[in-house]
N, C-alpha and C. Protein backbone atom coordinates (compact mmCIF):
# COMPACT_ATOMS: atom_id res chain seq x y z
N UNK A 1 39.39 28.73 -21.46
CA UNK A 1 38.49 27.66 -21.85
C UNK A 1 39.15 26.31 -21.54
N UNK A 2 38.33 25.41 -21.03
CA UNK A 2 38.86 24.10 -20.65
C UNK A 2 39.06 23.21 -21.87
N UNK A 3 39.82 22.21 -21.65
CA UNK A 3 40.10 21.21 -22.67
C UNK A 3 38.80 20.44 -22.97
N UNK A 4 38.40 20.31 -24.25
CA UNK A 4 37.16 19.59 -24.58
C UNK A 4 37.18 18.13 -24.11
N UNK A 5 38.36 17.53 -24.12
CA UNK A 5 38.47 16.14 -23.65
C UNK A 5 38.18 16.05 -22.16
N UNK A 6 38.66 17.04 -21.42
CA UNK A 6 38.44 17.06 -19.98
C UNK A 6 36.96 17.27 -19.66
N UNK A 7 36.30 18.14 -20.41
CA UNK A 7 34.87 18.38 -20.24
C UNK A 7 34.08 17.11 -20.52
N UNK A 8 34.48 16.40 -21.57
CA UNK A 8 33.80 15.16 -21.93
C UNK A 8 33.94 14.12 -20.83
N UNK A 9 35.13 14.01 -20.24
CA UNK A 9 35.34 13.05 -19.15
C UNK A 9 34.52 13.42 -17.93
N UNK A 10 34.41 14.71 -17.64
CA UNK A 10 33.60 15.15 -16.50
C UNK A 10 32.13 14.85 -16.74
N UNK A 11 31.68 15.03 -17.97
CA UNK A 11 30.29 14.73 -18.30
C UNK A 11 30.01 13.23 -18.15
N UNK A 12 30.96 12.40 -18.59
CA UNK A 12 30.80 10.95 -18.46
C UNK A 12 30.74 10.54 -16.99
N UNK A 13 31.60 11.14 -16.15
CA UNK A 13 31.57 10.84 -14.72
C UNK A 13 30.25 11.26 -14.10
N UNK A 14 29.72 12.41 -14.50
CA UNK A 14 28.45 12.88 -13.97
C UNK A 14 27.31 11.95 -14.38
N UNK A 15 27.33 11.48 -15.63
CA UNK A 15 26.29 10.55 -16.09
C UNK A 15 26.36 9.23 -15.34
N UNK A 16 27.58 8.74 -15.10
CA UNK A 16 27.73 7.49 -14.35
C UNK A 16 27.20 7.63 -12.93
N UNK A 17 27.46 8.77 -12.30
CA UNK A 17 26.96 8.99 -10.94
C UNK A 17 25.44 9.00 -10.92
N UNK A 18 24.83 9.65 -11.90
CA UNK A 18 23.37 9.70 -11.98
C UNK A 18 22.82 8.30 -12.26
N UNK A 19 23.50 7.55 -13.14
CA UNK A 19 23.05 6.21 -13.47
C UNK A 19 23.07 5.30 -12.23
N UNK A 20 24.15 5.39 -11.44
CA UNK A 20 24.24 4.56 -10.24
C UNK A 20 23.15 4.91 -9.24
N UNK A 21 22.86 6.20 -9.07
CA UNK A 21 21.82 6.59 -8.13
C UNK A 21 20.45 6.10 -8.61
N UNK A 22 20.23 6.14 -9.92
CA UNK A 22 18.97 5.64 -10.46
C UNK A 22 18.86 4.13 -10.29
N UNK A 23 19.95 3.41 -10.48
CA UNK A 23 19.93 1.96 -10.29
C UNK A 23 19.63 1.59 -8.85
N UNK A 24 20.20 2.32 -7.92
CA UNK A 24 19.93 2.08 -6.50
C UNK A 24 18.47 2.36 -6.20
N UNK A 25 17.95 3.45 -6.75
CA UNK A 25 16.54 3.79 -6.54
C UNK A 25 15.62 2.71 -7.11
N UNK A 26 15.94 2.21 -8.29
CA UNK A 26 15.13 1.16 -8.91
C UNK A 26 15.16 -0.10 -8.05
N UNK A 27 16.34 -0.47 -7.56
CA UNK A 27 16.45 -1.66 -6.71
C UNK A 27 15.63 -1.53 -5.43
N UNK A 28 15.69 -0.37 -4.80
CA UNK A 28 14.90 -0.16 -3.59
C UNK A 28 13.41 -0.16 -3.89
N UNK A 29 13.02 0.45 -5.00
CA UNK A 29 11.61 0.43 -5.38
C UNK A 29 11.12 -0.99 -5.61
N UNK A 30 11.91 -1.80 -6.31
CA UNK A 30 11.50 -3.18 -6.56
C UNK A 30 11.37 -3.95 -5.25
N UNK A 31 12.30 -3.73 -4.34
CA UNK A 31 12.22 -4.41 -3.05
C UNK A 31 10.96 -4.01 -2.30
N UNK A 32 10.65 -2.73 -2.31
CA UNK A 32 9.44 -2.27 -1.63
C UNK A 32 8.19 -2.75 -2.34
N UNK A 33 8.22 -2.77 -3.69
CA UNK A 33 7.06 -3.25 -4.45
C UNK A 33 6.79 -4.72 -4.18
N UNK A 34 7.79 -5.47 -3.78
CA UNK A 34 7.59 -6.88 -3.43
C UNK A 34 7.24 -7.05 -1.96
N UNK A 35 7.95 -6.35 -1.09
CA UNK A 35 7.82 -6.58 0.35
C UNK A 35 6.50 -6.09 0.91
N UNK A 36 6.09 -4.90 0.55
CA UNK A 36 4.88 -4.32 1.16
C UNK A 36 3.63 -5.12 0.79
N UNK A 37 3.37 -5.41 -0.50
CA UNK A 37 2.18 -6.23 -0.79
C UNK A 37 2.25 -7.63 -0.18
N UNK A 38 3.44 -8.26 -0.20
CA UNK A 38 3.53 -9.59 0.40
C UNK A 38 3.19 -9.55 1.89
N UNK A 39 3.77 -8.59 2.59
CA UNK A 39 3.48 -8.48 4.03
C UNK A 39 2.00 -8.24 4.26
N UNK A 40 1.43 -7.30 3.53
CA UNK A 40 0.02 -6.94 3.74
C UNK A 40 -0.92 -8.10 3.43
N UNK A 41 -0.71 -8.75 2.28
CA UNK A 41 -1.62 -9.83 1.89
C UNK A 41 -1.42 -11.08 2.73
N UNK A 42 -0.20 -11.38 3.14
CA UNK A 42 0.02 -12.54 4.01
C UNK A 42 -0.60 -12.29 5.38
N UNK A 43 -0.43 -11.07 5.90
CA UNK A 43 -1.04 -10.74 7.19
C UNK A 43 -2.56 -10.84 7.12
N UNK A 44 -3.13 -10.29 6.04
CA UNK A 44 -4.59 -10.37 5.87
C UNK A 44 -5.03 -11.83 5.70
N UNK A 45 -4.23 -12.62 4.97
CA UNK A 45 -4.56 -14.03 4.78
C UNK A 45 -4.52 -14.81 6.08
N UNK A 46 -3.53 -14.53 6.92
CA UNK A 46 -3.48 -15.20 8.23
C UNK A 46 -4.67 -14.82 9.09
N UNK A 47 -5.04 -13.56 9.04
CA UNK A 47 -6.19 -13.11 9.83
C UNK A 47 -7.47 -13.80 9.34
N UNK A 48 -7.64 -13.87 8.01
CA UNK A 48 -8.82 -14.54 7.46
C UNK A 48 -8.79 -16.04 7.74
N UNK A 49 -7.61 -16.65 7.69
CA UNK A 49 -7.49 -18.07 8.02
C UNK A 49 -7.93 -18.33 9.45
N UNK A 50 -7.51 -17.48 10.37
CA UNK A 50 -7.88 -17.65 11.77
C UNK A 50 -9.38 -17.41 11.98
N UNK A 51 -9.92 -16.44 11.28
CA UNK A 51 -11.33 -16.09 11.45
C UNK A 51 -12.25 -17.17 10.88
N UNK A 52 -11.93 -17.70 9.70
CA UNK A 52 -12.80 -18.67 9.04
C UNK A 52 -12.28 -20.10 9.11
N UNK A 53 -11.18 -20.33 9.81
CA UNK A 53 -10.62 -21.66 10.02
C UNK A 53 -10.33 -22.38 8.70
N UNK A 54 -9.67 -21.68 7.78
CA UNK A 54 -9.23 -22.25 6.51
C UNK A 54 -7.73 -22.07 6.38
N UNK A 55 -7.15 -22.71 5.41
CA UNK A 55 -5.71 -22.56 5.15
C UNK A 55 -5.44 -22.00 3.75
N UNK A 56 -6.48 -21.54 3.07
CA UNK A 56 -6.31 -21.11 1.69
C UNK A 56 -6.09 -19.61 1.54
N UNK A 57 -6.46 -18.82 2.52
CA UNK A 57 -6.39 -17.38 2.38
C UNK A 57 -4.94 -16.87 2.30
N UNK A 58 -4.02 -17.50 3.00
CA UNK A 58 -2.61 -17.09 2.92
C UNK A 58 -2.09 -17.36 1.51
N UNK A 59 -2.41 -18.51 0.96
CA UNK A 59 -1.95 -18.85 -0.38
C UNK A 59 -2.55 -17.88 -1.41
N UNK A 60 -3.84 -17.60 -1.27
CA UNK A 60 -4.49 -16.64 -2.16
C UNK A 60 -3.82 -15.26 -2.01
N UNK A 61 -3.52 -14.89 -0.77
CA UNK A 61 -2.86 -13.61 -0.52
C UNK A 61 -1.49 -13.52 -1.16
N UNK A 62 -0.74 -14.62 -1.13
CA UNK A 62 0.58 -14.64 -1.76
C UNK A 62 0.45 -14.43 -3.26
N UNK A 63 -0.48 -15.13 -3.90
CA UNK A 63 -0.66 -14.98 -5.34
C UNK A 63 -1.15 -13.57 -5.70
N UNK A 64 -2.05 -13.02 -4.90
CA UNK A 64 -2.50 -11.64 -5.14
C UNK A 64 -1.34 -10.65 -4.99
N UNK A 65 -0.53 -10.84 -3.97
CA UNK A 65 0.61 -9.95 -3.74
C UNK A 65 1.61 -10.05 -4.88
N UNK A 66 1.89 -11.26 -5.34
CA UNK A 66 2.83 -11.42 -6.45
C UNK A 66 2.28 -10.80 -7.73
N UNK A 67 0.98 -10.95 -7.95
CA UNK A 67 0.35 -10.32 -9.12
C UNK A 67 0.42 -8.81 -9.05
N UNK A 68 0.11 -8.24 -7.89
CA UNK A 68 0.18 -6.79 -7.72
C UNK A 68 1.62 -6.30 -7.86
N UNK A 69 2.56 -7.03 -7.28
CA UNK A 69 3.97 -6.64 -7.38
C UNK A 69 4.44 -6.66 -8.82
N UNK A 70 4.05 -7.68 -9.56
CA UNK A 70 4.42 -7.77 -10.97
C UNK A 70 3.87 -6.59 -11.75
N UNK A 71 2.63 -6.24 -11.49
CA UNK A 71 2.01 -5.09 -12.16
C UNK A 71 2.74 -3.79 -11.82
N UNK A 72 3.06 -3.57 -10.55
CA UNK A 72 3.75 -2.35 -10.15
C UNK A 72 5.15 -2.26 -10.75
N UNK A 73 5.85 -3.37 -10.79
CA UNK A 73 7.19 -3.39 -11.37
C UNK A 73 7.10 -3.14 -12.88
N UNK A 74 6.11 -3.72 -13.53
CA UNK A 74 5.91 -3.49 -14.96
C UNK A 74 5.67 -2.01 -15.25
N UNK A 75 4.82 -1.38 -14.44
CA UNK A 75 4.55 0.05 -14.62
C UNK A 75 5.82 0.87 -14.45
N UNK A 76 6.64 0.52 -13.46
CA UNK A 76 7.88 1.26 -13.20
C UNK A 76 8.86 1.08 -14.37
N UNK A 77 9.00 -0.13 -14.87
CA UNK A 77 9.90 -0.38 -15.99
C UNK A 77 9.41 0.36 -17.24
N UNK A 78 8.10 0.36 -17.46
CA UNK A 78 7.54 1.08 -18.61
C UNK A 78 7.80 2.57 -18.50
N UNK A 79 7.67 3.14 -17.31
CA UNK A 79 7.94 4.57 -17.11
C UNK A 79 9.40 4.88 -17.37
N UNK A 80 10.29 4.02 -16.90
CA UNK A 80 11.73 4.21 -17.13
C UNK A 80 12.04 4.10 -18.63
N UNK A 81 11.45 3.13 -19.29
CA UNK A 81 11.67 2.98 -20.73
C UNK A 81 11.19 4.20 -21.49
N UNK A 82 10.02 4.74 -21.10
CA UNK A 82 9.50 5.94 -21.76
C UNK A 82 10.44 7.13 -21.55
N UNK A 83 11.02 7.24 -20.37
CA UNK A 83 11.98 8.32 -20.12
C UNK A 83 13.25 8.16 -20.96
N UNK A 84 13.67 6.92 -21.12
CA UNK A 84 14.89 6.67 -21.89
C UNK A 84 14.66 6.92 -23.38
N UNK A 85 13.44 6.71 -23.86
CA UNK A 85 13.14 6.89 -25.28
C UNK A 85 13.05 8.36 -25.67
N UNK A 86 12.87 9.24 -24.70
CA UNK A 86 12.74 10.67 -25.01
C UNK A 86 14.05 11.28 -25.41
């Protein structure tokens, strides 16, 4: 039988490794949650600006993208919090 102290240290190392991988995953998700809507809505705004000869669609697209990104990030944080509470 192994030393209980050694088992505890191995468990702590395993938890730290899982925690770091989850933090990396969260960071990448946040980056994608910001980048994809911004790109899509800005592209659509530029297309609408060119079609209707206005300059407001890009600005509207940026605000819509930021709103959607905020909502997606909120949902992800809430899911993580629910997992941690279990």
